[in-house]
Amino acid sequence: MSLLKRGKIWWYEFWFAGRRIQESAKTRSKTVAKLAEQKRRRELEEGFNSIEDRREERIRTIREVAKEYLESYVLRNRSATFAQYAVNHLIEFSGRK
Protein backbone atom coordinates (compact mmCIF):
# COMPACT_ATOMS: atom_id res chain seq x y z
CA MET A 1 0.00 0.00 0.00
CA SER A 2 1.32 3.33 -0.93
CA LEU A 3 0.03 6.72 -1.83
CA LEU A 4 1.72 8.82 -4.48
CA LYS A 5 1.13 12.44 -5.35
CA ARG A 6 1.34 13.38 -9.02
CA GLY A 7 0.91 17.08 -9.41
CA LYS A 8 -1.96 17.90 -7.10
CA ILE A 9 -3.78 14.55 -7.41
CA TRP A 10 -3.19 11.51 -5.17
CA TRP A 11 -2.74 8.04 -6.62
CA TYR A 12 -2.69 4.69 -4.83
CA GLU A 13 -0.71 1.60 -5.65
CA PHE A 14 -0.82 -1.94 -4.27
CA TRP A 15 -0.42 -5.57 -5.32
CA PHE A 16 -3.42 -7.87 -5.52
CA ALA A 17 -3.39 -11.51 -6.68
CA GLY A 18 0.00 -11.06 -8.28
CA ARG A 19 -1.01 -7.95 -10.20
CA ARG A 20 -0.02 -4.37 -9.62
CA ILE A 21 -2.99 -2.06 -9.15
CA GLN A 22 -2.19 1.60 -9.74
CA GLU A 23 -5.10 4.01 -10.02
CA SER A 24 -5.92 7.63 -9.45
CA ALA A 25 -7.90 8.52 -6.37
CA LYS A 26 -9.10 11.64 -8.22
CA THR A 27 -8.75 13.79 -5.14
CA ARG A 28 -6.42 16.35 -3.62
CA SER A 29 -6.96 15.04 -0.09
CA LYS A 30 -4.60 12.41 1.24
CA THR A 31 -7.14 11.01 3.72
CA VAL A 32 -9.77 10.61 1.01
CA ALA A 33 -7.18 8.90 -1.20
CA LYS A 34 -6.37 6.46 1.60
CA LEU A 35 -10.08 5.64 1.99
CA ALA A 36 -10.44 5.22 -1.79
CA GLU A 37 -7.54 2.76 -1.77
CA GLN A 38 -9.09 0.73 1.03
CA LYS A 39 -12.47 0.69 -0.74
CA ARG A 40 -10.91 -0.44 -4.04
CA ARG A 41 -8.96 -3.22 -2.35
CA ARG A 42 -12.13 -4.40 -0.59
CA GLU A 43 -14.02 -4.42 -3.92
CA LEU A 44 -11.30 -6.54 -5.51
CA GLU A 45 -11.25 -8.98 -2.59
CA GLU A 46 -15.02 -9.39 -2.61
CA GLY A 47 -15.08 -9.96 -6.37
CA PHE A 48 -12.13 -12.37 -6.23
CA ASN A 49 -13.68 -14.45 -3.46
CA SER A 50 -17.24 -14.22 -4.88
CA ILE A 51 -18.62 -12.84 -1.64
CA GLU A 52 -21.49 -10.92 -3.19
CA ASP A 53 -24.55 -12.92 -4.13
CA ARG A 54 -25.89 -11.78 -7.48
CA ARG A 55 -28.73 -14.19 -8.03
CA GLU A 56 -30.36 -12.09 -10.73
CA GLU A 57 -27.22 -12.43 -12.85
CA ARG A 58 -26.94 -16.19 -12.31
CA ILE A 59 -30.58 -17.15 -12.86
CA ARG A 60 -31.77 -16.27 -16.34
CA THR A 61 -34.31 -17.69 -18.71
CA ILE A 62 -33.35 -19.75 -21.73
CA ARG A 63 -34.72 -16.96 -23.91
CA GLU A 64 -32.22 -14.43 -22.44
CA VAL A 65 -29.27 -16.80 -22.77
CA ALA A 66 -30.24 -17.74 -26.33
CA LYS A 67 -30.55 -14.10 -27.38
CA GLU A 68 -27.09 -13.35 -25.97
CA TYR A 69 -25.67 -16.44 -27.69
CA LEU A 70 -27.12 -15.47 -31.07
CA GLU A 71 -25.68 -11.96 -30.83
CA SER A 72 -22.20 -13.33 -30.21
CA TYR A 73 -22.62 -16.08 -32.84
CA VAL A 74 -23.48 -13.56 -35.55
CA LEU A 75 -20.31 -11.63 -34.77
CA ARG A 76 -18.12 -14.75 -34.97
CA ASN A 77 -19.61 -16.54 -38.00
CA ARG A 78 -20.63 -15.55 -41.50
CA SER A 79 -23.83 -17.51 -41.79
CA ALA A 80 -26.10 -17.53 -38.79
CA THR A 81 -29.22 -18.88 -40.51
CA PHE A 82 -29.00 -22.40 -39.10
CA ALA A 83 -28.14 -21.15 -35.61
CA GLN A 84 -31.11 -18.78 -35.68
CA TYR A 85 -33.38 -21.62 -36.77
CA ALA A 86 -32.11 -23.99 -34.08
CA VAL A 87 -32.15 -21.41 -31.28
CA ASN A 88 -35.62 -20.15 -32.23
CA HIS A 89 -36.89 -23.72 -32.06
CA LEU A 90 -35.35 -24.08 -28.60
CA ILE A 91 -36.89 -20.79 -27.44
CA GLU A 92 -40.27 -21.82 -28.79
CA PHE A 93 -40.10 -25.13 -26.95
CA SER A 94 -38.71 -23.97 -23.56
CA GLY A 95 -38.06 -20.23 -23.64
CA ARG A 96 -39.66 -19.34 -20.31
CA LYS A 97 -37.75 -21.87 -18.24
PDB file of N, CA and C in Angstrom:
ATOM      1  N   MET A   1       0.839  -1.176   0.000  1.00  0.00           N
ATOM      2  CA  MET A   1       0.000   0.000   0.000  1.00  0.00           C
ATOM      3  C   MET A   1       0.880   1.233   0.000  1.00  0.00           C
ATOM      4  N   SER A   2       0.602   2.076  -0.929  1.00  0.00           N
ATOM      5  CA  SER A   2       1.322   3.332  -0.932  1.00  0.00           C
ATOM      6  C   SER A   2       0.508   4.388  -1.651  1.00  0.00           C
ATOM      7  N   LEU A   3       0.669   5.580  -1.208  1.00  0.00           N
ATOM      8  CA  LEU A   3       0.032   6.724  -1.832  1.00  0.00           C
ATOM      9  C   LEU A   3       1.104   7.556  -2.514  1.00  0.00           C
ATOM     10  N   LEU A   4       0.799   7.997  -3.715  1.00  0.00           N
ATOM     11  CA  LEU A   4       1.720   8.815  -4.480  1.00  0.00           C
ATOM     12  C   LEU A   4       1.010  10.086  -4.896  1.00  0.00           C
ATOM     13  N   LYS A   5       1.723  11.182  -4.918  1.00  0.00           N
ATOM     14  CA  LYS A   5       1.135  12.437  -5.347  1.00  0.00           C
ATOM     15  C   LYS A   5       1.743  12.815  -6.691  1.00  0.00           C
ATOM     16  N   ARG A   6       0.905  12.954  -7.693  1.00  0.00           N
ATOM     17  CA  ARG A   6       1.342  13.376  -9.022  1.00  0.00           C
ATOM     18  C   ARG A   6       0.683  14.709  -9.311  1.00  0.00           C
ATOM     19  N   GLY A   7       1.476  15.736  -9.286  1.00  0.00           N
ATOM     20  CA  GLY A   7       0.910  17.076  -9.408  1.00  0.00           C
ATOM     21  C   GLY A   7       0.148  17.390  -8.141  1.00  0.00           C
ATOM     22  N   LYS A   8      -1.136  17.615  -8.275  1.00  0.00           N
ATOM     23  CA  LYS A   8      -1.959  17.897  -7.096  1.00  0.00           C
ATOM     24  C   LYS A   8      -2.905  16.738  -6.770  1.00  0.00           C
ATOM     25  N   ILE A   9      -2.859  15.685  -7.568  1.00  0.00           N
ATOM     26  CA  ILE A   9      -3.779  14.552  -7.413  1.00  0.00           C
ATOM     27  C   ILE A   9      -3.057  13.373  -6.779  1.00  0.00           C
ATOM     28  N   TRP A  10      -3.743  12.687  -5.846  1.00  0.00           N
ATOM     29  CA  TRP A  10      -3.191  11.514  -5.167  1.00  0.00           C
ATOM     30  C   TRP A  10      -3.537  10.250  -5.940  1.00  0.00           C
ATOM     31  N   TRP A  11      -2.586   9.337  -6.012  1.00  0.00           N
ATOM     32  CA  TRP A  11      -2.740   8.036  -6.623  1.00  0.00           C
ATOM     33  C   TRP A  11      -2.437   6.978  -5.576  1.00  0.00           C
ATOM     34  N   TYR A  12      -3.035   5.796  -5.718  1.00  0.00           N
ATOM     35  CA  TYR A  12      -2.691   4.692  -4.831  1.00  0.00           C
ATOM     36  C   TYR A  12      -2.151   3.537  -5.662  1.00  0.00           C
ATOM     37  N   GLU A  13      -1.359   2.725  -4.985  1.00  0.00           N
ATOM     38  CA  GLU A  13      -0.707   1.601  -5.648  1.00  0.00           C
ATOM     39  C   GLU A  13      -0.593   0.447  -4.659  1.00  0.00           C
ATOM     40  N   PHE A  14      -0.969  -0.745  -5.095  1.00  0.00           N
ATOM     41  CA  PHE A  14      -0.816  -1.936  -4.272  1.00  0.00           C
ATOM     42  C   PHE A  14      -0.822  -3.162  -5.171  1.00  0.00           C
ATOM     43  N   TRP A  15      -0.432  -4.300  -4.603  1.00  0.00           N
ATOM     44  CA  TRP A  15      -0.418  -5.569  -5.319  1.00  0.00           C
ATOM     45  C   TRP A  15      -1.611  -6.398  -4.872  1.00  0.00           C
ATOM     46  N   PHE A  16      -2.297  -7.010  -5.830  1.00  0.00           N
ATOM     47  CA  PHE A  16      -3.419  -7.870  -5.517  1.00  0.00           C
ATOM     48  C   PHE A  16      -3.402  -9.058  -6.474  1.00  0.00           C
ATOM     49  N   ALA A  17      -3.378 -10.257  -5.919  1.00  0.00           N
ATOM     50  CA  ALA A  17      -3.394 -11.513  -6.683  1.00  0.00           C
ATOM     51  C   ALA A  17      -2.296 -11.524  -7.745  1.00  0.00           C
ATOM     52  N   GLY A  18      -1.134 -11.045  -7.372  1.00  0.00           N
ATOM     53  CA  GLY A  18       0.003 -11.059  -8.278  1.00  0.00           C
ATOM     54  C   GLY A  18      -0.005  -9.970  -9.338  1.00  0.00           C
ATOM     55  N   ARG A  19      -0.921  -9.041  -9.232  1.00  0.00           N
ATOM     56  CA  ARG A  19      -1.007  -7.955 -10.202  1.00  0.00           C
ATOM     57  C   ARG A  19      -0.858  -6.614  -9.499  1.00  0.00           C
ATOM     58  N   ARG A  20      -0.225  -5.708 -10.170  1.00  0.00           N
ATOM     59  CA  ARG A  20      -0.024  -4.370  -9.616  1.00  0.00           C
ATOM     60  C   ARG A  20      -1.223  -3.503  -9.971  1.00  0.00           C
ATOM     61  N   ILE A  21      -1.847  -2.949  -8.970  1.00  0.00           N
ATOM     62  CA  ILE A  21      -2.992  -2.059  -9.150  1.00  0.00           C
ATOM     63  C   ILE A  21      -2.505  -0.646  -8.880  1.00  0.00           C
ATOM     64  N   GLN A  22      -2.619   0.216  -9.873  1.00  0.00           N
ATOM     65  CA  GLN A  22      -2.192   1.603  -9.737  1.00  0.00           C
ATOM     66  C   GLN A  22      -3.272   2.468 -10.372  1.00  0.00           C
ATOM     67  N   GLU A  23      -3.980   3.216  -9.534  1.00  0.00           N
ATOM     68  CA  GLU A  23      -5.103   4.010 -10.023  1.00  0.00           C
ATOM     69  C   GLU A  23      -5.123   5.368  -9.347  1.00  0.00           C
ATOM     70  N   SER A  24      -5.777   6.298 -10.000  1.00  0.00           N
ATOM     71  CA  SER A  24      -5.917   7.634  -9.449  1.00  0.00           C
ATOM     72  C   SER A  24      -7.051   7.652  -8.435  1.00  0.00           C
ATOM     73  N   ALA A  25      -6.842   8.341  -7.350  1.00  0.00           N
ATOM     74  CA  ALA A  25      -7.902   8.520  -6.365  1.00  0.00           C
ATOM     75  C   ALA A  25      -8.790   9.692  -6.746  1.00  0.00           C
ATOM     76  N   LYS A  26      -8.349  10.488  -7.702  1.00  0.00           N
ATOM     77  CA  LYS A  26      -9.104  11.641  -8.218  1.00  0.00           C
ATOM     78  C   LYS A  26      -9.460  12.632  -7.117  1.00  0.00           C
ATOM     79  N   THR A  27      -8.517  12.855  -6.236  1.00  0.00           N
ATOM     80  CA  THR A  27      -8.749  13.790  -5.141  1.00  0.00           C
ATOM     81  C   THR A  27      -7.447  14.483  -4.779  1.00  0.00           C
ATOM     82  N   ARG A  28      -7.583  15.612  -4.105  1.00  0.00           N
ATOM     83  CA  ARG A  28      -6.420  16.347  -3.620  1.00  0.00           C
ATOM     84  C   ARG A  28      -6.170  16.079  -2.140  1.00  0.00           C
ATOM     85  N   SER A  29      -7.066  15.333  -1.520  1.00  0.00           N
ATOM     86  CA  SER A  29      -6.964  15.037  -0.092  1.00  0.00           C
ATOM     87  C   SER A  29      -6.308  13.676   0.127  1.00  0.00           C
ATOM     88  N   LYS A  30      -5.307  13.660   0.971  1.00  0.00           N
ATOM     89  CA  LYS A  30      -4.596  12.409   1.243  1.00  0.00           C
ATOM     90  C   LYS A  30      -5.481  11.426   1.999  1.00  0.00           C
ATOM     91  N   THR A  31      -6.278  11.912   2.938  1.00  0.00           N
ATOM     92  CA  THR A  31      -7.137  11.007   3.716  1.00  0.00           C
ATOM     93  C   THR A  31      -8.221  10.385   2.840  1.00  0.00           C
ATOM     94  N   VAL A  32      -8.765  11.154   1.923  1.00  0.00           N
ATOM     95  CA  VAL A  32      -9.774  10.614   1.012  1.00  0.00           C
ATOM     96  C   VAL A  32      -9.134   9.585   0.081  1.00  0.00           C
ATOM     97  N   ALA A  33      -7.898   9.844  -0.342  1.00  0.00           N
ATOM     98  CA  ALA A  33      -7.179   8.902  -1.197  1.00  0.00           C
ATOM     99  C   ALA A  33      -6.935   7.584  -0.465  1.00  0.00           C
ATOM    100  N   LYS A  34      -6.603   7.666   0.806  1.00  0.00           N
ATOM    101  CA  LYS A  34      -6.374   6.456   1.598  1.00  0.00           C
ATOM    102  C   LYS A  34      -7.670   5.643   1.717  1.00  0.00           C
ATOM    103  N   LEU A  35      -8.788   6.321   1.921  1.00  0.00           N
ATOM    104  CA  LEU A  35     -10.081   5.637   1.991  1.00  0.00           C
ATOM    105  C   LEU A  35     -10.459   5.032   0.639  1.00  0.00           C
ATOM    106  N   ALA A  36     -10.147   5.737  -0.448  1.00  0.00           N
ATOM    107  CA  ALA A  36     -10.438   5.217  -1.786  1.00  0.00           C
ATOM    108  C   ALA A  36      -9.629   3.953  -2.053  1.00  0.00           C
ATOM    109  N   GLU A  37      -8.381   3.943  -1.605  1.00  0.00           N
ATOM    110  CA  GLU A  37      -7.537   2.763  -1.774  1.00  0.00           C
ATOM    111  C   GLU A  37      -8.107   1.574  -1.002  1.00  0.00           C
ATOM    112  N   GLN A  38      -8.528   1.795   0.220  1.00  0.00           N
ATOM    113  CA  GLN A  38      -9.095   0.726   1.028  1.00  0.00           C
ATOM    114  C   GLN A  38     -10.380   0.185   0.399  1.00  0.00           C
ATOM    115  N   LYS A  39     -11.209   1.092  -0.111  1.00  0.00           N
ATOM    116  CA  LYS A  39     -12.465   0.686  -0.738  1.00  0.00           C
ATOM    117  C   LYS A  39     -12.202  -0.147  -1.997  1.00  0.00           C
ATOM    118  N   ARG A  40     -11.244   0.286  -2.811  1.00  0.00           N
ATOM    119  CA  ARG A  40     -10.914  -0.436  -4.035  1.00  0.00           C
ATOM    120  C   ARG A  40     -10.366  -1.833  -3.734  1.00  0.00           C
ATOM    121  N   ARG A  41      -9.506  -1.926  -2.739  1.00  0.00           N
ATOM    122  CA  ARG A  41      -8.956  -3.220  -2.345  1.00  0.00           C
ATOM    123  C   ARG A  41     -10.079  -4.150  -1.866  1.00  0.00           C
ATOM    124  N   ARG A  42     -11.001  -3.611  -1.081  1.00  0.00           N
ATOM    125  CA  ARG A  42     -12.130  -4.402  -0.587  1.00  0.00           C
ATOM    126  C   ARG A  42     -12.998  -4.897  -1.749  1.00  0.00           C
ATOM    127  N   GLU A  43     -13.243  -4.016  -2.747  1.00  0.00           N
ATOM    128  CA  GLU A  43     -14.019  -4.420  -3.915  1.00  0.00           C
ATOM    129  C   GLU A  43     -13.343  -5.575  -4.659  1.00  0.00           C
ATOM    130  N   LEU A  44     -12.032  -5.474  -4.823  1.00  0.00           N
ATOM    131  CA  LEU A  44     -11.302  -6.536  -5.511  1.00  0.00           C
ATOM    132  C   LEU A  44     -11.358  -7.840  -4.733  1.00  0.00           C
ATOM    133  N   GLU A  45     -11.200  -7.774  -3.411  1.00  0.00           N
ATOM    134  CA  GLU A  45     -11.249  -8.976  -2.585  1.00  0.00           C
ATOM    135  C   GLU A  45     -12.617  -9.633  -2.632  1.00  0.00           C
ATOM    136  N   GLU A  46     -13.680  -8.828  -2.566  1.00  0.00           N
ATOM    137  CA  GLU A  46     -15.025  -9.388  -2.609  1.00  0.00           C
ATOM    138  C   GLU A  46     -15.308 -10.027  -3.961  1.00  0.00           C
ATOM    139  N   GLY A  47     -14.878  -9.393  -5.034  1.00  0.00           N
ATOM    140  CA  GLY A  47     -15.076  -9.964  -6.366  1.00  0.00           C
ATOM    141  C   GLY A  47     -14.249 -11.215  -6.576  1.00  0.00           C
ATOM    142  N   PHE A  48     -13.031 -11.229  -6.071  1.00  0.00           N
ATOM    143  CA  PHE A  48     -12.129 -12.367  -6.232  1.00  0.00           C
ATOM    144  C   PHE A  48     -12.646 -13.574  -5.471  1.00  0.00           C
ATOM    145  N   ASN A  49     -13.196 -13.352  -4.299  1.00  0.00           N
ATOM    146  CA  ASN A  49     -13.684 -14.448  -3.463  1.00  0.00           C
ATOM    147  C   ASN A  49     -15.164 -14.729  -3.645  1.00  0.00           C
ATOM    148  N   SER A  50     -15.803 -14.047  -4.579  1.00  0.00           N
ATOM    149  CA  SER A  50     -17.235 -14.223  -4.877  1.00  0.00           C
ATOM    150  C   SER A  50     -18.088 -14.092  -3.625  1.00  0.00           C
ATOM    151  N   ILE A  51     -17.866 -13.043  -2.872  1.00  0.00           N
ATOM    152  CA  ILE A  51     -18.616 -12.843  -1.643  1.00  0.00           C
ATOM    153  C   ILE A  51     -20.029 -12.351  -1.926  1.00  0.00           C
ATOM    154  N   GLU A  52     -20.171 -11.457  -2.894  1.00  0.00           N
ATOM    155  CA  GLU A  52     -21.493 -10.919  -3.191  1.00  0.00           C
ATOM    156  C   GLU A  52     -22.354 -11.959  -3.886  1.00  0.00           C
ATOM    157  N   ASP A  53     -23.606 -11.998  -3.531  1.00  0.00           N
ATOM    158  CA  ASP A  53     -24.547 -12.922  -4.135  1.00  0.00           C
ATOM    159  C   ASP A  53     -25.378 -12.157  -5.151  1.00  0.00           C
ATOM    160  N   ARG A  54     -25.154 -12.447  -6.407  1.00  0.00           N
ATOM    161  CA  ARG A  54     -25.886 -11.777  -7.476  1.00  0.00           C
ATOM    162  C   ARG A  54     -26.770 -12.801  -8.176  1.00  0.00           C
ATOM    163  N   ARG A  55     -27.838 -13.171  -7.503  1.00  0.00           N
ATOM    164  CA  ARG A  55     -28.730 -14.193  -8.034  1.00  0.00           C
ATOM    165  C   ARG A  55     -29.358 -13.794  -9.355  1.00  0.00           C
ATOM    166  N   GLU A  56     -29.708 -12.524  -9.498  1.00  0.00           N
ATOM    167  CA  GLU A  56     -30.363 -12.092 -10.728  1.00  0.00           C
ATOM    168  C   GLU A  56     -29.452 -12.238 -11.943  1.00  0.00           C
ATOM    169  N   GLU A  57     -28.155 -12.234 -11.742  1.00  0.00           N
ATOM    170  CA  GLU A  57     -27.225 -12.435 -12.854  1.00  0.00           C
ATOM    171  C   GLU A  57     -27.005 -13.916 -13.135  1.00  0.00           C
ATOM    172  N   ARG A  58     -27.170 -14.755 -12.134  1.00  0.00           N
ATOM    173  CA  ARG A  58     -26.943 -16.185 -12.310  1.00  0.00           C
ATOM    174  C   ARG A  58     -28.163 -16.901 -12.841  1.00  0.00           C
ATOM    175  N   ILE A  59     -29.348 -16.473 -12.459  1.00  0.00           N
ATOM    176  CA  ILE A  59     -30.577 -17.154 -12.855  1.00  0.00           C
ATOM    177  C   ILE A  59     -31.228 -16.353 -13.982  1.00  0.00           C
ATOM    178  N   ARG A  60     -31.184 -16.933 -15.182  1.00  0.00           N
ATOM    179  CA  ARG A  60     -31.766 -16.271 -16.344  1.00  0.00           C
ATOM    180  C   ARG A  60     -32.588 -17.286 -17.122  1.00  0.00           C
ATOM    181  N   THR A  61     -33.502 -16.789 -17.904  1.00  0.00           N
ATOM    182  CA  THR A  61     -34.314 -17.690 -18.714  1.00  0.00           C
ATOM    183  C   THR A  61     -33.521 -18.154 -19.934  1.00  0.00           C
ATOM    184  N   ILE A  62     -33.995 -19.236 -20.523  1.00  0.00           N
ATOM    185  CA  ILE A  62     -33.347 -19.751 -21.728  1.00  0.00           C
ATOM    186  C   ILE A  62     -33.444 -18.726 -22.851  1.00  0.00           C
ATOM    187  N   ARG A  63     -34.526 -17.992 -22.877  1.00  0.00           N
ATOM    188  CA  ARG A  63     -34.715 -16.962 -23.905  1.00  0.00           C
ATOM    189  C   ARG A  63     -33.616 -15.897 -23.824  1.00  0.00           C
ATOM    190  N   GLU A  64     -33.280 -15.441 -22.620  1.00  0.00           N
ATOM    191  CA  GLU A  64     -32.224 -14.428 -22.436  1.00  0.00           C
ATOM    192  C   GLU A  64     -30.860 -14.967 -22.854  1.00  0.00           C
ATOM    193  N   VAL A  65     -30.563 -16.185 -22.443  1.00  0.00           N
ATOM    194  CA  VAL A  65     -29.270 -16.795 -22.771  1.00  0.00           C
ATOM    195  C   VAL A  65     -29.168 -17.020 -24.276  1.00  0.00           C
ATOM    196  N   ALA A  66     -30.251 -17.476 -24.894  1.00  0.00           N
ATOM    197  CA  ALA A  66     -30.244 -17.741 -26.334  1.00  0.00           C
ATOM    198  C   ALA A  66     -30.057 -16.450 -27.121  1.00  0.00           C
ATOM    199  N   LYS A  67     -30.699 -15.388 -26.693  1.00  0.00           N
ATOM    200  CA  LYS A  67     -30.550 -14.097 -27.379  1.00  0.00           C
ATOM    201  C   LYS A  67     -29.096 -13.626 -27.308  1.00  0.00           C
ATOM    202  N   GLU A  68     -28.490 -13.735 -26.142  1.00  0.00           N
ATOM    203  CA  GLU A  68     -27.093 -13.351 -25.968  1.00  0.00           C
ATOM    204  C   GLU A  68     -26.174 -14.223 -26.826  1.00  0.00           C
ATOM    205  N   TYR A  69     -26.465 -15.520 -26.882  1.00  0.00           N
ATOM    206  CA  TYR A  69     -25.672 -16.442 -27.687  1.00  0.00           C
ATOM    207  C   TYR A  69     -25.752 -16.085 -29.170  1.00  0.00           C
ATOM    208  N   LEU A  70     -26.962 -15.810 -29.659  1.00  0.00           N
ATOM    209  CA  LEU A  70     -27.120 -15.473 -31.073  1.00  0.00           C
ATOM    210  C   LEU A  70     -26.370 -14.199 -31.442  1.00  0.00           C
ATOM    211  N   GLU A  71     -26.401 -13.206 -30.564  1.00  0.00           N
ATOM    212  CA  GLU A  71     -25.683 -11.960 -30.829  1.00  0.00           C
ATOM    213  C   GLU A  71     -24.187 -12.214 -30.978  1.00  0.00           C
ATOM    214  N   SER A  72     -23.631 -13.039 -30.109  1.00  0.00           N
ATOM    215  CA  SER A  72     -22.203 -13.327 -30.207  1.00  0.00           C
ATOM    216  C   SER A  72     -21.906 -14.249 -31.386  1.00  0.00           C
ATOM    217  N   TYR A  73     -22.817 -15.157 -31.721  1.00  0.00           N
ATOM    218  CA  TYR A  73     -22.623 -16.079 -32.841  1.00  0.00           C
ATOM    219  C   TYR A  73     -22.565 -15.322 -34.166  1.00  0.00           C
ATOM    220  N   VAL A  74     -23.446 -14.350 -34.317  1.00  0.00           N
ATOM    221  CA  VAL A  74     -23.479 -13.564 -35.549  1.00  0.00           C
ATOM    222  C   VAL A  74     -22.166 -12.810 -35.742  1.00  0.00           C
ATOM    223  N   LEU A  75     -21.576 -12.351 -34.672  1.00  0.00           N
ATOM    224  CA  LEU A  75     -20.309 -11.633 -34.772  1.00  0.00           C
ATOM    225  C   LEU A  75     -19.155 -12.554 -35.157  1.00  0.00           C
ATOM    226  N   ARG A  76     -19.216 -13.825 -34.737  1.00  0.00           N
ATOM    227  CA  ARG A  76     -18.116 -14.752 -34.973  1.00  0.00           C
ATOM    228  C   ARG A  76     -18.217 -15.516 -36.283  1.00  0.00           C
ATOM    229  N   ASN A  77     -19.412 -15.705 -36.815  1.00  0.00           N
ATOM    230  CA  ASN A  77     -19.613 -16.545 -37.997  1.00  0.00           C
ATOM    231  C   ASN A  77     -20.303 -15.779 -39.114  1.00  0.00           C
ATOM    232  N   ARG A  78     -20.038 -16.224 -40.339  1.00  0.00           N
ATOM    233  CA  ARG A  78     -20.632 -15.551 -41.497  1.00  0.00           C
ATOM    234  C   ARG A  78     -22.118 -15.851 -41.625  1.00  0.00           C
ATOM    235  N   SER A  79     -22.447 -17.107 -41.599  1.00  0.00           N
ATOM    236  CA  SER A  79     -23.828 -17.511 -41.787  1.00  0.00           C
ATOM    237  C   SER A  79     -24.434 -17.926 -40.450  1.00  0.00           C
ATOM    238  N   ALA A  80     -25.460 -17.231 -40.065  1.00  0.00           N
ATOM    239  CA  ALA A  80     -26.103 -17.527 -38.789  1.00  0.00           C
ATOM    240  C   ALA A  80     -27.509 -18.083 -38.990  1.00  0.00           C
ATOM    241  N   THR A  81     -27.862 -18.426 -40.207  1.00  0.00           N
ATOM    242  CA  THR A  81     -29.219 -18.884 -40.505  1.00  0.00           C
ATOM    243  C   THR A  81     -29.584 -20.146 -39.734  1.00  0.00           C
ATOM    244  N   PHE A  82     -28.698 -21.151 -39.785  1.00  0.00           N
ATOM    245  CA  PHE A  82     -29.000 -22.402 -39.097  1.00  0.00           C
ATOM    246  C   PHE A  82     -29.060 -22.192 -37.585  1.00  0.00           C
ATOM    247  N   ALA A  83     -28.143 -21.401 -37.049  1.00  0.00           N
ATOM    248  CA  ALA A  83     -28.141 -21.145 -35.605  1.00  0.00           C
ATOM    249  C   ALA A  83     -29.417 -20.441 -35.192  1.00  0.00           C
ATOM    250  N   GLN A  84     -29.865 -19.478 -36.000  1.00  0.00           N
ATOM    251  CA  GLN A  84     -31.112 -18.778 -35.675  1.00  0.00           C
ATOM    252  C   GLN A  84     -32.289 -19.744 -35.702  1.00  0.00           C
ATOM    253  N   TYR A  85     -32.317 -20.627 -36.685  1.00  0.00           N
ATOM    254  CA  TYR A  85     -33.384 -21.615 -36.772  1.00  0.00           C
ATOM    255  C   TYR A  85     -33.386 -22.520 -35.544  1.00  0.00           C
ATOM    256  N   ALA A  86     -32.204 -23.046 -35.194  1.00  0.00           N
ATOM    257  CA  ALA A  86     -32.105 -23.985 -34.080  1.00  0.00           C
ATOM    258  C   ALA A  86     -32.434 -23.303 -32.743  1.00  0.00           C
ATOM    259  N   VAL A  87     -31.918 -22.119 -32.550  1.00  0.00           N
ATOM    260  CA  VAL A  87     -32.154 -21.414 -31.277  1.00  0.00           C
ATOM    261  C   VAL A  87     -33.604 -20.977 -31.168  1.00  0.00           C
ATOM    262  N   ASN A  88     -34.200 -20.530 -32.263  1.00  0.00           N
ATOM    263  CA  ASN A  88     -35.620 -20.147 -32.226  1.00  0.00           C
ATOM    264  C   ASN A  88     -36.504 -21.345 -31.892  1.00  0.00           C
ATOM    265  N   HIS A  89     -36.145 -22.516 -32.399  1.00  0.00           N
ATOM    266  CA  HIS A  89     -36.893 -23.720 -32.059  1.00  0.00           C
ATOM    267  C   HIS A  89     -36.774 -24.019 -30.561  1.00  0.00           C
ATOM    268  N   LEU A  90     -35.573 -23.866 -30.034  1.00  0.00           N
ATOM    269  CA  LEU A  90     -35.352 -24.077 -28.603  1.00  0.00           C
ATOM    270  C   LEU A  90     -36.147 -23.091 -27.764  1.00  0.00           C
ATOM    271  N   ILE A  91     -36.143 -21.822 -28.174  1.00  0.00           N
ATOM    272  CA  ILE A  91     -36.891 -20.788 -27.444  1.00  0.00           C
ATOM    273  C   ILE A  91     -38.385 -21.092 -27.485  1.00  0.00           C
ATOM    274  N   GLU A  92     -38.865 -21.507 -28.657  1.00  0.00           N
ATOM    275  CA  GLU A  92     -40.273 -21.822 -28.793  1.00  0.00           C
ATOM    276  C   GLU A  92     -40.688 -22.970 -27.879  1.00  0.00           C
ATOM    277  N   PHE A  93     -39.811 -23.949 -27.741  1.00  0.00           N
ATOM    278  CA  PHE A  93     -40.104 -25.128 -26.945  1.00  0.00           C
ATOM    279  C   PHE A  93     -39.987 -24.869 -25.448  1.00  0.00           C
ATOM    280  N   SER A  94     -38.925 -24.151 -25.014  1.00  0.00           N
ATOM    281  CA  SER A  94     -38.711 -23.972 -23.563  1.00  0.00           C
ATOM    282  C   SER A  94     -38.122 -22.609 -23.229  1.00  0.00           C
ATOM    283  N   GLY A  95     -38.620 -21.568 -23.820  1.00  0.00           N
ATOM    284  CA  GLY A  95     -38.059 -20.235 -23.636  1.00  0.00           C
ATOM    285  C   GLY A  95     -38.282 -19.613 -22.267  1.00  0.00           C
ATOM    286  N   ARG A  96     -39.345 -19.980 -21.589  1.00  0.00           N
ATOM    287  CA  ARG A  96     -39.659 -19.338 -20.308  1.00  0.00           C
ATOM    288  C   ARG A  96     -38.992 -20.009 -19.114  1.00  0.00           C
ATOM    289  N   LYS A  97     -38.365 -21.127 -19.347  1.00  0.00           N
ATOM    290  CA  LYS A  97     -37.750 -21.874 -18.239  1.00  0.00           C
ATOM    291  C   LYS A  97     -36.397 -21.333 -17.898  1.00  0.00           C
TER     292      LYS A  97
END
